[in-house]
Each structure stands twice: as C-alpha cells, then as structure tokens.
Amino acid sequence: MNGKQITKLGFERKAIGLALAAASLREGAGLSREEILGELRGVQANPDAFLGGVYDALAAELIAVRGVQEARASSDLRPAPLPYPVWGADLIDPGAHTQMDVAMRLPISRAGALMPDAHVGYGLPIGGVLATENAVIPYGVGVDIGCSMMLSVLPLPSGALKTEEAKALLMRHTRFGAGVGFEKRDREDHAVLHEDTWDALPLLGHLHEKAINQIGTSGSGNHFAEFGTFTLAAADPELGLEAGDYLALLSHSGSRGFGAQVANHFTRLAQDLHPTLDKSAQKLAWLRLDTEEGQAYWLAMNLAGRYALANHDLIHTRLARALGETPLLRVSNSHNLAWKQQVDGKELIVHRKGATPAAAGQLGLIPGSMADPGFLVRGRGNPAALASASHGAGRQLGRKAAINALAKKDVQAYLERHGITLIGGGIDEAPQAYKRIEDVIARQTDLVDVLGQFMPKVVRMDTGNEDV
C-alpha cells in the first residue's frame, strides 16, 4: 500500500497517514491490497463502526472532519436575505437595513421585521424583530437582557408633587450607574433573588451576589426614572381609569451587570460553536435549543428578564410607599428578550431587540426622550410585524456623534422650553439625539393603538458623558 492509492480513495491530509499506518498493520496480518482497500472504503462510509479497532485513529479523525464540515454547512448564510417588512423606512438609517439583511440570511431565520425606531446595534439592529427555528441568538436579545419599561399611575392630580419634592424622592429612592447599588442598610429584598434557578448553573450561582447587590437599581446610558403627567383622553374600562391628568412614574431599566455577563458568556460560547460563520454575522452566532448550551442560555435569559422587572418593581414600590399611595394602574413590558411564539402555525423563537411585544390587546409602553412624551399603547397583533412595535423613539445620532454635534446650551434650552428638570443625564442622551417620537408613533398605527400619554417633568438618569 502507498499514499497514492490512499489518496485515490479520497482521504485527505492527516487521514492519509493514519490510513497508511492502519493498512500496514493489516498487510502484516496477511490481508491483500484489495481487502485492505475494501476495509478503508468501509471506514469512509461509516467511521463510527470502526472505533475501538485497528482503524480507531482513522475513524476518529474522519468523525472530527465530518463534524467540522457539518458545522461549516450549518453556518453558511443564504445567498440573499429573506424578505421582511419595514415600518417607517424613511426614518431608518442604511446601517440598520444592512444588519437586518445579514440576520435574514442566517440559515435559522424564518421571518423578521424592522420597527420605525430602528438604528444600528450589535448584531441585530435595535428595533429588529427576528424569528428563528429551534435556535436563540444571545446578541439577538442584546447585552441588557430583559431591558424593560414600567408605568405607575398614581391616585393624585398631576400637580400634586412639587419639583423639589420629586427631586428629593428620586435622589433618595433610586440609584444609577455601572456597578452601583444601594447601601446594604437601604437594600430591599425580592422574591426573584430566592428562586432555585440561581442554583441551576454555575454561572448563575457566581453572579447571584452581584444581583443581590444591585437589586432595585438602574444602569447608565438611556435608563431613567421620572415623575410626570399621565393623560388619559377617554375612560377605558380595561384600565379602570377615568379620563383626566394623573401624577405618574415611568422607568426604564434592565438586568444590570448580571444580565450583561450572561449575554457576553453565551455569545462567546455561540461564536465558538460556529467558527466558520461569515464575519458579517459573527455577532449573530446562535445556540440550538435542543442542546445543553441552548437550554442553559434560555434558563439564564428568562431569569435575567424576571430580575429586570424586579428592579422596576422595587423602584416603583419604594416611591409609591414614600408618597403613601397605591397605584391605580401599573403596566410593564420587556423589550430585549426572546419568546416562544406561534408563527404561521409553527413554534418559532421571536427575538425582540429593542421592540415592544404588541399582541392583540396587550398593553405596552413606548417612551420618547428625556423631554418628549411617551405613550401607553395597546397592541393590534399585526402578524407581519410578528406582533411587535417600536420600543421608543430610536436614536438619530450615535453617542459620540451627539457629544460632538450638540452644544450644552442648546440642550439646556430645549429642556427649559419643555419644563424639564434633569438630574444627571448626558449630552449623548439629549432629546436632539433621538428621532421625534410623534413621527415614530405615526408610522405604526397598524401595530398599536395609543391609549394615553406620559409627559416627563422631573427626570433622573446616570451622570453620563458630557453632562447636560
């Protein structure tokens, strides 16, 4: 036997040497060349059957090569993106379209949609909705897993809380910023911290203490807590509210450092599982839900989503208690999460990265900027949008672009004209960095119905970059 004969069988690289070594042993055992070639063809056809014998090393190599080939084939992008609908195309930058096109070329993608607040993100664009089959994409959910909104409408007239009182309450009962938590004596407990889920994965057990330290707080960037006026134009039996103006609290927060570490851990894991994935799609590496890794992420993601809502719960509970009031209405929704959802009669995984769930009759919140209105909406369950809507106004200037383009005096003048008192906040979060929320809402009248409007008055955020 020689290398040329082995190569003619189709063996490559390392397998040629292993085949020659095994063939030499078989020749020593008295087998003819034709008998050995027949055995080698058998190893090629079914390497699993030859593990443990004289062909063990060759069979193991062929199995490994087969795995790489299967991974490469399963990671190949479609030559062209699947079609997807777009709402408010005139408001969306080309980069977001490009990112969505890449997402719709993934072999696991089945449907998608782009919301009118869409702009460039990491992997899936912010404002992107993507339905996949038996797979979840960590960066399709985002780094701030479970990022969400909550509104509390209080049984007080809109002018019942003076500006200085509102400032004092927000300073006393909220905390903002990376790594920030309440002092231990002021920290409150929550049922989410006592779930058995924390013991299900070593990673979650490792992050449990971080979650305890940061419970009831908010991060940096566009997270906020604000008092303002909620206006309901007409009585709504489902809401249980009469028409009028109410004092209300609106917050935007997520899963803090706990969620970020979960996102980054599983994104690295997904990328390792898809080493041949096209460079343009590397941030969209996925985990199959029928694998141990996929199930682990699904468990951790949903815990992070519950933890994010627990942060809101404590923020609203603390402030309502300080006012001595019980909210007439509390509404919340997550907008960075993945859900199992029936799409055309089949269960798919619907990722909403900066998109509000808007099933028929479902309540949701779509905020503007620190000085512009937000809206309480009811979903219309539009199937083309995968029952989704925008999650806010959406950026028209990136953070660096806003800092470079906007003057502090102009931002301050805008806030003064709108009667906004700001605690913290940076130029990168200026109202001028965002699209006009009225334009965004106008582009999605077939996705949601507007029920009420919230107008901020006293806003607290992290100090941010280039403070206003």
Protein backbone atom coordinates (compact mmCIF):
# COMPACT_ATOMS: atom_id res chain seq x y z
CA MET A 1 0.00 0.00 0.00
CA ASN A 2 1.18 3.55 -0.74
CA GLY A 3 -0.01 7.13 -0.32
CA LYS A 4 -1.13 7.45 -3.94
CA GLN A 5 -3.56 4.56 -3.56
CA ILE A 6 -4.91 6.02 -0.31
CA THR A 7 -5.35 9.45 -1.90
CA LYS A 8 -7.33 7.94 -4.79
CA LEU A 9 -9.89 6.77 -2.21
CA GLY A 10 -10.47 10.41 -1.26
CA PHE A 11 -8.60 10.59 2.05
CA GLU A 12 -7.02 13.95 2.82
CA ARG A 13 -4.27 15.41 5.00
CA LYS A 14 -3.93 13.75 8.39
CA ALA A 15 -6.24 10.89 7.39
CA ILE A 16 -3.79 9.70 4.69
CA GLY A 17 -1.06 9.00 7.23
CA LEU A 18 -3.48 7.30 9.61
CA ALA A 19 -4.87 5.15 6.78
CA LEU A 20 -1.36 4.12 5.73
CA ALA A 21 -0.47 3.16 9.31
CA ALA A 22 -3.59 1.02 9.66
CA ALA A 23 -3.07 -0.53 6.19
CA SER A 24 0.47 -1.52 7.16
CA LEU A 25 -0.87 -3.40 10.19
CA ARG A 26 -3.47 -5.16 8.05
CA GLU A 27 -0.80 -6.12 5.49
CA GLY A 28 1.20 -7.61 8.37
CA ALA A 29 -1.87 -9.63 9.29
CA GLY A 30 -1.87 -11.14 5.79
CA LEU A 31 -4.68 -9.20 4.07
CA SER A 32 -4.41 -8.44 0.35
CA ARG A 33 -4.36 -4.94 -1.10
CA GLU A 34 -7.93 -5.30 -2.38
CA GLU A 35 -9.16 -6.49 1.03
CA ILE A 36 -7.50 -3.52 2.75
CA LEU A 37 -8.91 -1.07 0.20
CA GLY A 38 -12.34 -2.56 0.83
CA GLU A 39 -11.96 -2.03 4.58
CA LEU A 40 -10.80 1.54 4.05
CA ARG A 41 -13.89 2.24 1.93
CA GLY A 42 -15.96 0.84 4.80
CA VAL A 43 -14.26 3.21 7.28
CA GLN A 44 -15.04 6.12 4.95
CA ALA A 45 -18.69 5.12 4.68
CA ASN A 46 -19.30 4.54 8.38
CA PRO A 47 -16.37 5.58 10.63
CA ASP A 48 -18.45 5.15 13.80
CA ALA A 49 -18.49 1.38 13.22
CA PHE A 50 -14.68 1.16 13.25
CA LEU A 51 -13.99 2.91 16.54
CA GLY A 52 -12.01 0.79 19.00
CA GLY A 53 -10.26 -1.43 16.46
CA VAL A 54 -7.22 -1.18 14.23
CA TYR A 55 -8.86 1.68 12.35
CA ASP A 56 -9.75 3.60 15.55
CA ALA A 57 -7.46 6.60 14.97
CA LEU A 58 -8.53 6.93 11.34
CA ALA A 59 -12.21 6.62 12.24
CA ALA A 60 -11.88 9.29 14.96
CA GLU A 61 -10.21 11.66 12.51
CA LEU A 62 -12.93 11.15 9.90
CA ILE A 63 -15.62 11.77 12.53
CA ALA A 64 -13.91 15.01 13.58
CA VAL A 65 -13.62 16.16 9.94
CA ARG A 66 -17.29 15.29 9.42
CA GLY A 67 -18.21 17.46 12.43
CA VAL A 68 -16.29 20.43 11.07
CA GLN A 69 -17.91 20.01 7.65
CA GLU A 70 -21.38 19.80 9.19
CA ALA A 71 -20.73 22.89 11.32
CA ARG A 72 -19.49 24.76 8.27
CA ALA A 73 -22.52 23.75 6.22
CA SER A 74 -24.93 24.66 9.02
CA SER A 75 -23.28 28.07 9.38
CA ASP A 76 -23.45 29.04 5.71
CA LEU A 77 -25.51 32.17 5.08
CA ARG A 78 -28.24 32.26 2.49
CA PRO A 79 -27.11 33.94 -0.74
CA ALA A 80 -29.84 36.57 -0.27
CA PRO A 81 -31.90 37.70 2.73
CA LEU A 82 -35.44 36.51 3.25
CA PRO A 83 -37.90 39.36 2.60
CA TYR A 84 -39.14 41.27 5.65
CA PRO A 85 -41.49 44.23 6.17
CA VAL A 86 -40.27 47.63 7.34
CA TRP A 87 -42.25 50.28 9.20
CA GLY A 88 -41.07 53.89 8.88
CA ALA A 89 -38.40 53.17 6.27
CA ASP A 90 -37.85 56.91 5.82
CA LEU A 91 -36.74 57.16 9.48
CA ILE A 92 -34.24 54.28 9.41
CA ASP A 93 -30.54 54.62 8.58
CA PRO A 94 -28.99 52.33 5.93
CA GLY A 95 -26.79 50.59 8.50
CA ALA A 96 -29.82 49.13 10.28
CA HIS A 97 -31.13 47.76 6.98
CA THR A 98 -27.73 46.19 6.30
CA GLN A 99 -27.68 44.50 9.72
CA MET A 100 -31.23 43.20 9.26
CA ASP A 101 -30.33 41.84 5.82
CA VAL A 102 -27.49 39.83 7.36
CA ALA A 103 -29.82 38.50 10.08
CA MET A 104 -32.31 37.38 7.43
CA ARG A 105 -29.56 35.41 5.67
CA LEU A 106 -28.96 33.18 8.68
CA PRO A 107 -29.91 29.54 7.97
CA ILE A 108 -32.04 29.51 11.14
CA SER A 109 -34.06 32.65 10.27
CA ARG A 110 -37.67 32.22 9.23
CA ALA A 111 -39.24 35.72 9.47
CA GLY A 112 -38.41 39.24 10.59
CA ALA A 113 -39.49 42.87 10.74
CA LEU A 114 -37.93 46.27 11.27
CA MET A 115 -39.61 48.83 13.52
CA PRO A 116 -39.63 52.61 12.84
CA ASP A 117 -37.23 53.40 15.70
CA ALA A 118 -34.59 51.05 14.24
CA HIS A 119 -30.91 52.00 14.25
CA VAL A 120 -27.55 50.23 14.22
CA GLY A 121 -26.77 47.94 17.17
CA TYR A 122 -24.50 44.98 17.81
CA GLY A 123 -25.55 42.05 15.63
CA LEU A 124 -29.29 42.51 15.27
CA PRO A 125 -30.20 46.20 14.87
CA ILE A 126 -32.02 47.96 17.68
CA GLY A 127 -35.66 47.84 16.61
CA GLY A 128 -35.14 44.49 14.88
CA VAL A 129 -37.53 41.56 15.29
CA LEU A 130 -36.27 38.14 14.20
CA ALA A 131 -37.98 34.74 14.27
CA THR A 132 -35.71 31.68 14.22
CA GLU A 133 -36.36 27.94 14.30
CA ASN A 134 -35.05 25.93 17.27
CA ALA A 135 -32.32 28.48 17.96
CA VAL A 136 -31.70 31.51 20.13
CA ILE A 137 -29.20 34.29 19.40
CA PRO A 138 -27.73 35.92 22.53
CA TYR A 139 -26.96 39.16 20.68
CA GLY A 140 -30.40 38.98 19.10
CA VAL A 141 -31.64 39.62 22.63
CA GLY A 142 -28.88 42.07 23.49
CA VAL A 143 -26.44 42.76 26.30
CA ASP A 144 -29.05 44.29 28.60
CA ILE A 145 -31.24 41.19 28.79
CA GLY A 146 -34.79 41.96 29.81
CA CYS A 147 -34.43 45.73 29.45
CA SER A 148 -37.95 46.95 30.11
CA MET A 149 -40.41 49.71 30.94
CA MET A 150 -42.82 50.26 33.82
CA LEU A 151 -45.52 52.87 34.41
CA SER A 152 -47.35 53.56 37.68
CA VAL A 153 -50.38 55.87 37.54
CA LEU A 154 -50.99 57.33 40.98
CA PRO A 155 -54.28 58.48 42.56
CA LEU A 156 -53.04 62.09 42.64
CA PRO A 157 -53.55 65.07 40.33
CA SER A 158 -50.62 65.83 38.05
CA GLY A 159 -49.58 68.91 40.02
CA ALA A 160 -49.66 67.26 43.45
CA LEU A 161 -45.90 66.77 43.61
CA LYS A 162 -43.68 69.85 43.59
CA THR A 163 -40.40 69.79 41.67
CA GLU A 164 -38.16 69.85 44.73
CA GLU A 165 -40.16 67.06 46.37
CA ALA A 166 -39.90 64.94 43.22
CA LYS A 167 -36.14 65.53 43.05
CA ALA A 168 -35.69 64.55 46.69
CA LEU A 169 -37.72 61.35 46.24
CA LEU A 170 -35.76 60.29 43.17
CA MET A 171 -32.44 61.02 44.86
CA ARG A 172 -33.43 59.04 47.95
CA HIS A 173 -35.08 56.03 46.32
CA THR A 174 -33.24 55.42 43.03
CA ARG A 175 -29.65 54.59 42.11
CA PHE A 176 -28.00 54.78 38.68
CA GLY A 177 -24.72 53.80 37.09
CA ALA A 178 -22.42 50.90 36.28
CA GLY A 179 -21.67 48.80 39.36
CA VAL A 180 -23.88 50.95 41.57
CA GLY A 181 -26.16 49.53 44.27
CA PHE A 182 -27.97 50.69 47.37
CA GLU A 183 -26.09 50.80 50.62
CA LYS A 184 -26.65 47.49 52.44
CA ARG A 185 -28.86 49.10 55.10
CA ASP A 186 -31.16 50.51 52.40
CA ARG A 187 -31.23 47.47 50.12
CA GLU A 188 -34.57 45.68 49.77
CA ASP A 189 -35.28 42.02 49.17
CA HIS A 190 -37.26 40.48 46.31
CA ALA A 191 -38.65 37.03 45.58
CA VAL A 192 -36.60 36.75 42.37
CA LEU A 193 -33.43 36.53 44.46
CA HIS A 194 -34.69 33.36 46.17
CA GLU A 195 -35.52 31.31 43.07
CA ASP A 196 -33.99 27.86 42.73
CA THR A 197 -32.86 28.91 39.24
CA TRP A 198 -29.74 30.55 40.69
CA ASP A 199 -28.52 27.05 41.62
CA ALA A 200 -29.18 25.54 38.19
CA LEU A 201 -25.95 26.76 36.55
CA PRO A 202 -22.51 27.55 37.99
CA LEU A 203 -22.56 30.88 36.11
CA LEU A 204 -25.82 31.94 37.78
CA GLY A 205 -24.53 30.93 41.19
CA HIS A 206 -21.40 33.01 40.57
CA LEU A 207 -23.50 36.06 39.60
CA HIS A 208 -26.04 35.76 42.40
CA GLU A 209 -24.15 38.06 44.77
CA LYS A 210 -23.86 40.74 42.09
CA ALA A 211 -27.60 40.53 41.51
CA ILE A 212 -28.27 40.88 45.24
CA ASN A 213 -26.02 43.95 45.47
CA GLN A 214 -27.67 45.72 42.53
CA ILE A 215 -31.33 44.81 43.08
CA GLY A 216 -33.72 47.75 42.74
CA THR A 217 -31.25 49.94 40.79
CA SER A 218 -30.67 51.08 37.22
CA GLY A 219 -27.71 51.24 34.88
CA SER A 220 -26.23 54.01 32.78
CA GLY A 221 -27.00 55.14 29.24
CA ASN A 222 -30.69 55.65 28.50
CA HIS A 223 -32.07 54.19 31.74
CA PHE A 224 -34.23 56.61 33.72
CA ALA A 225 -36.86 57.13 36.39
CA GLU A 226 -39.12 60.15 36.01
CA PHE A 227 -42.19 61.76 37.51
CA GLY A 228 -44.59 63.35 35.09
CA THR A 229 -48.17 63.74 33.92
CA PHE A 230 -50.14 60.83 32.52
CA THR A 231 -53.08 61.98 30.41
CA LEU A 232 -55.98 59.70 29.53
CA ALA A 233 -58.25 61.35 26.97
CA ALA A 234 -61.16 58.94 27.45
CA ALA A 235 -62.17 56.50 30.17
CA ASP A 236 -61.01 52.94 29.48
CA PRO A 237 -62.82 50.07 31.26
CA GLU A 238 -59.84 47.73 30.93
CA LEU A 239 -57.51 50.24 32.54
CA GLY A 240 -60.02 51.11 35.24
CA LEU A 241 -59.25 54.82 34.92
CA GLU A 242 -61.40 57.85 34.31
CA ALA A 243 -60.31 60.41 31.74
CA GLY A 244 -58.01 63.08 33.15
CA ASP A 245 -54.48 64.02 34.19
CA TYR A 246 -52.65 61.96 36.82
CA LEU A 247 -49.30 62.04 38.58
CA ALA A 248 -47.32 59.10 37.24
CA LEU A 249 -43.92 57.44 37.42
CA LEU A 250 -42.18 55.97 34.38
CA SER A 251 -38.97 53.94 34.50
CA HIS A 252 -36.60 52.30 32.03
CA SER A 253 -34.20 49.72 33.43
CA GLY A 254 -32.69 46.29 32.80
CA SER A 255 -30.81 43.36 34.29
CA ARG A 256 -27.68 45.30 35.27
CA GLY A 257 -24.24 43.64 35.37
CA PHE A 258 -25.79 40.22 35.90
CA GLY A 259 -27.55 40.27 32.52
CA ALA A 260 -24.54 41.73 30.72
CA GLN A 261 -22.26 38.94 31.92
CA VAL A 262 -24.80 36.29 30.91
CA ALA A 263 -25.03 37.86 27.43
CA ASN A 264 -21.29 38.02 26.91
CA HIS A 265 -20.65 34.50 28.25
CA PHE A 266 -23.17 32.85 25.96
CA THR A 267 -22.25 34.98 22.94
CA ARG A 268 -18.64 33.77 23.21
CA LEU A 269 -19.92 30.21 23.55
CA ALA A 270 -22.13 30.58 20.47
CA GLN A 271 -19.27 32.04 18.44
CA ASP A 272 -17.00 29.13 19.44
CA LEU A 273 -19.66 26.73 18.15
CA HIS A 274 -19.75 28.49 14.75
CA PRO A 275 -16.08 29.15 13.89
CA THR A 276 -16.76 29.35 10.15
CA LEU A 277 -19.67 31.81 10.38
CA ASP A 278 -19.23 34.71 7.97
CA LYS A 279 -17.53 37.72 9.57
CA SER A 280 -20.57 39.92 8.93
CA ALA A 281 -22.72 37.59 11.06
CA GLN A 282 -20.37 36.70 13.91
CA LYS A 283 -22.37 38.74 16.43
CA LEU A 284 -25.42 36.69 15.40
CA ALA A 285 -23.98 33.30 16.37
CA TRP A 286 -26.72 31.10 17.78
CA LEU A 287 -27.37 28.25 20.20
CA ARG A 288 -29.70 25.42 19.25
CA LEU A 289 -32.46 24.98 21.79
CA ASP A 290 -32.16 21.21 21.66
CA THR A 291 -28.62 21.42 23.08
CA GLU A 292 -27.37 21.79 26.63
CA GLU A 293 -25.88 25.20 25.79
CA GLY A 294 -29.13 26.47 24.30
CA GLN A 295 -31.18 25.33 27.27
CA ALA A 296 -28.69 26.92 29.67
CA TYR A 297 -28.95 30.28 27.91
CA TRP A 298 -32.75 30.09 27.78
CA LEU A 299 -32.84 29.48 31.53
CA ALA A 300 -30.40 32.33 32.28
CA MET A 301 -32.08 34.74 29.83
CA ASN A 302 -35.51 34.31 31.38
CA LEU A 303 -34.10 34.72 34.89
CA ALA A 304 -32.46 37.97 33.77
CA GLY A 305 -35.79 39.11 32.35
CA ARG A 306 -37.52 38.47 35.68
CA TYR A 307 -34.68 40.19 37.53
CA ALA A 308 -35.02 43.29 35.33
CA LEU A 309 -38.73 43.55 36.11
CA ALA A 310 -37.93 43.04 39.80
CA ASN A 311 -35.70 46.12 39.63
CA HIS A 312 -38.65 48.14 38.33
CA ASP A 313 -40.94 46.61 40.93
CA LEU A 314 -38.74 47.82 43.78
CA ILE A 315 -38.24 51.28 42.25
CA HIS A 316 -41.98 51.79 41.92
CA THR A 317 -42.79 50.21 45.27
CA ARG A 318 -40.30 52.40 47.13
CA LEU A 319 -41.51 55.63 45.53
CA ALA A 320 -45.23 54.84 45.91
CA ARG A 321 -44.63 53.92 49.55
CA ALA A 322 -42.75 57.17 50.14
CA LEU A 323 -45.76 59.04 48.75
CA GLY A 324 -48.13 56.95 50.85
CA GLU A 325 -50.10 55.91 47.79
CA THR A 326 -51.13 52.73 45.97
CA PRO A 327 -51.01 52.99 42.15
CA LEU A 328 -54.30 52.90 40.30
CA LEU A 329 -52.57 51.21 37.37
CA ARG A 330 -49.21 49.57 36.79
CA VAL A 331 -48.09 48.47 33.32
CA SER A 332 -44.79 46.91 32.27
CA ASN A 333 -43.21 45.24 29.28
CA SER A 334 -39.81 43.84 28.32
CA HIS A 335 -38.27 44.86 25.01
CA ASN A 336 -34.93 42.95 24.96
CA LEU A 337 -35.89 39.29 25.14
CA ALA A 338 -36.76 36.19 23.11
CA TRP A 339 -40.13 34.47 23.29
CA LYS A 340 -41.54 31.17 22.03
CA GLN A 341 -44.33 32.23 19.69
CA GLN A 342 -46.62 30.60 17.16
CA VAL A 343 -45.90 31.96 13.68
CA ASP A 344 -48.00 30.58 10.83
CA GLY A 345 -48.87 27.56 12.97
CA LYS A 346 -45.28 26.74 13.93
CA GLU A 347 -43.41 27.47 17.16
CA LEU A 348 -40.54 29.86 16.49
CA ILE A 349 -38.22 31.87 18.71
CA VAL A 350 -39.05 35.55 18.28
CA HIS A 351 -36.21 37.89 19.28
CA ARG A 352 -37.17 41.48 20.04
CA LYS A 353 -34.06 43.60 20.41
CA GLY A 354 -35.46 46.99 21.23
CA ALA A 355 -39.02 46.11 20.20
CA THR A 356 -42.23 46.06 22.23
CA PRO A 357 -44.46 42.96 22.30
CA ALA A 358 -47.78 44.03 20.74
CA ALA A 359 -50.09 41.03 20.63
CA ALA A 360 -53.76 41.86 20.18
CA GLY A 361 -54.96 43.59 23.35
CA GLN A 362 -51.52 43.60 25.01
CA LEU A 363 -50.55 46.78 26.87
CA GLY A 364 -47.14 48.31 26.26
CA LEU A 365 -45.07 51.44 26.78
CA ILE A 366 -43.23 53.41 24.10
CA PRO A 367 -41.20 56.29 25.62
CA GLY A 368 -39.75 59.33 23.90
CA SER A 369 -36.68 61.18 25.16
CA MET A 370 -35.98 62.87 28.49
CA ALA A 371 -38.07 65.85 27.36
CA ASP A 372 -40.60 64.33 24.99
CA PRO A 373 -43.78 62.34 25.58
CA GLY A 374 -44.10 58.59 25.96
CA PHE A 375 -47.20 56.55 25.19
CA LEU A 376 -49.27 53.80 26.73
CA VAL A 377 -50.38 51.61 23.84
CA ARG A 378 -52.50 48.54 23.17
CA GLY A 379 -51.21 46.03 20.63
CA ARG A 380 -53.08 45.11 17.48
CA GLY A 381 -51.34 41.77 16.94
CA ASN A 382 -50.17 42.52 13.40
CA PRO A 383 -48.80 39.16 12.14
CA ALA A 384 -46.50 40.75 9.57
CA ALA A 385 -44.70 42.54 12.43
CA LEU A 386 -44.65 39.32 14.46
CA ALA A 387 -46.98 41.14 16.89
CA SER A 388 -44.39 43.83 17.69
CA ALA A 389 -43.97 47.61 17.78
CA SER A 390 -41.18 50.11 18.41
CA HIS A 391 -39.64 50.33 21.89
CA GLY A 392 -39.05 54.07 21.84
CA ALA A 393 -38.12 56.95 19.57
CA GLY A 394 -34.81 55.44 18.45
CA ARG A 395 -31.53 57.26 18.02
CA GLN A 396 -30.81 59.52 15.08
CA LEU A 397 -27.34 60.40 16.44
CA GLY A 398 -24.94 57.89 17.96
CA ARG A 399 -23.46 58.71 21.35
CA LYS A 400 -20.17 60.08 20.04
CA ALA A 401 -21.93 61.95 17.25
CA ALA A 402 -24.31 63.57 19.76
CA ILE A 403 -21.45 64.69 22.00
CA ASN A 404 -19.61 66.16 19.01
CA ALA A 405 -22.64 67.77 17.35
CA LEU A 406 -24.76 69.14 20.21
CA ALA A 407 -24.00 72.17 22.34
CA LYS A 408 -24.80 72.02 26.04
CA LYS A 409 -26.58 75.39 25.95
CA ASP A 410 -28.91 74.20 23.18
CA VAL A 411 -29.82 71.06 25.10
CA GLN A 412 -30.44 73.06 28.27
CA ALA A 413 -32.62 75.49 26.33
CA TYR A 414 -34.68 72.59 24.95
CA LEU A 415 -35.22 71.23 28.47
CA GLU A 416 -36.24 74.64 29.78
CA ARG A 417 -38.74 75.17 26.97
CA HIS A 418 -40.36 71.85 27.84
CA GLY A 419 -40.33 72.47 31.59
CA ILE A 420 -37.99 69.53 32.34
CA THR A 421 -35.88 69.29 35.50
CA LEU A 422 -33.00 66.88 34.88
CA ILE A 423 -30.87 65.08 37.47
CA GLY A 424 -27.78 63.63 35.80
CA GLY A 425 -28.09 62.82 32.12
CA GLY A 426 -25.53 63.42 29.41
CA ILE A 427 -25.34 65.13 26.03
CA ASP A 428 -25.38 61.65 24.48
CA GLU A 429 -28.94 61.28 25.81
CA ALA A 430 -30.12 64.74 24.70
CA PRO A 431 -33.58 64.91 23.09
CA GLN A 432 -31.96 66.07 19.85
CA ALA A 433 -30.08 62.73 19.65
CA TYR A 434 -33.41 60.94 19.16
CA LYS A 435 -35.96 60.75 16.40
CA ARG A 436 -39.22 62.62 17.02
CA ILE A 437 -41.41 60.18 18.90
CA GLU A 438 -44.52 61.60 17.20
CA ASP A 439 -43.06 60.57 13.82
CA VAL A 440 -42.29 57.08 15.08
CA ILE A 441 -45.79 56.60 16.51
CA ALA A 442 -47.34 57.86 13.28
CA ARG A 443 -45.54 55.15 11.30
CA GLN A 444 -47.04 52.25 13.31
CA THR A 445 -50.77 52.94 13.58
CA ASP A 446 -51.41 49.41 12.28
CA LEU A 447 -49.29 47.93 15.09
CA VAL A 448 -50.66 49.69 18.18
CA ASP A 449 -53.45 51.97 19.37
CA VAL A 450 -52.43 54.87 21.61
CA LEU A 451 -54.38 54.95 24.90
CA GLY A 452 -52.63 57.64 26.92
CA GLN A 453 -49.67 59.98 27.00
CA PHE A 454 -46.98 60.47 29.63
CA MET A 455 -45.12 63.80 29.74
CA PRO A 456 -41.95 63.82 31.89
CA LYS A 457 -41.35 66.64 34.36
CA VAL A 458 -38.56 65.58 36.73
CA VAL A 459 -36.09 63.08 35.26
CA ARG A 460 -33.24 61.18 36.88
CA MET A 461 -30.52 59.36 34.90
CA ASP A 462 -26.88 58.39 35.39
CA THR A 463 -24.43 61.28 35.11
CA GLY A 464 -23.44 60.08 31.64
CA ASN A 465 -20.91 61.53 29.22
CA GLU A 466 -20.57 65.30 28.96
CA ASP A 467 -23.28 66.13 31.50
CA VAL A 468 -26.06 68.47 30.42
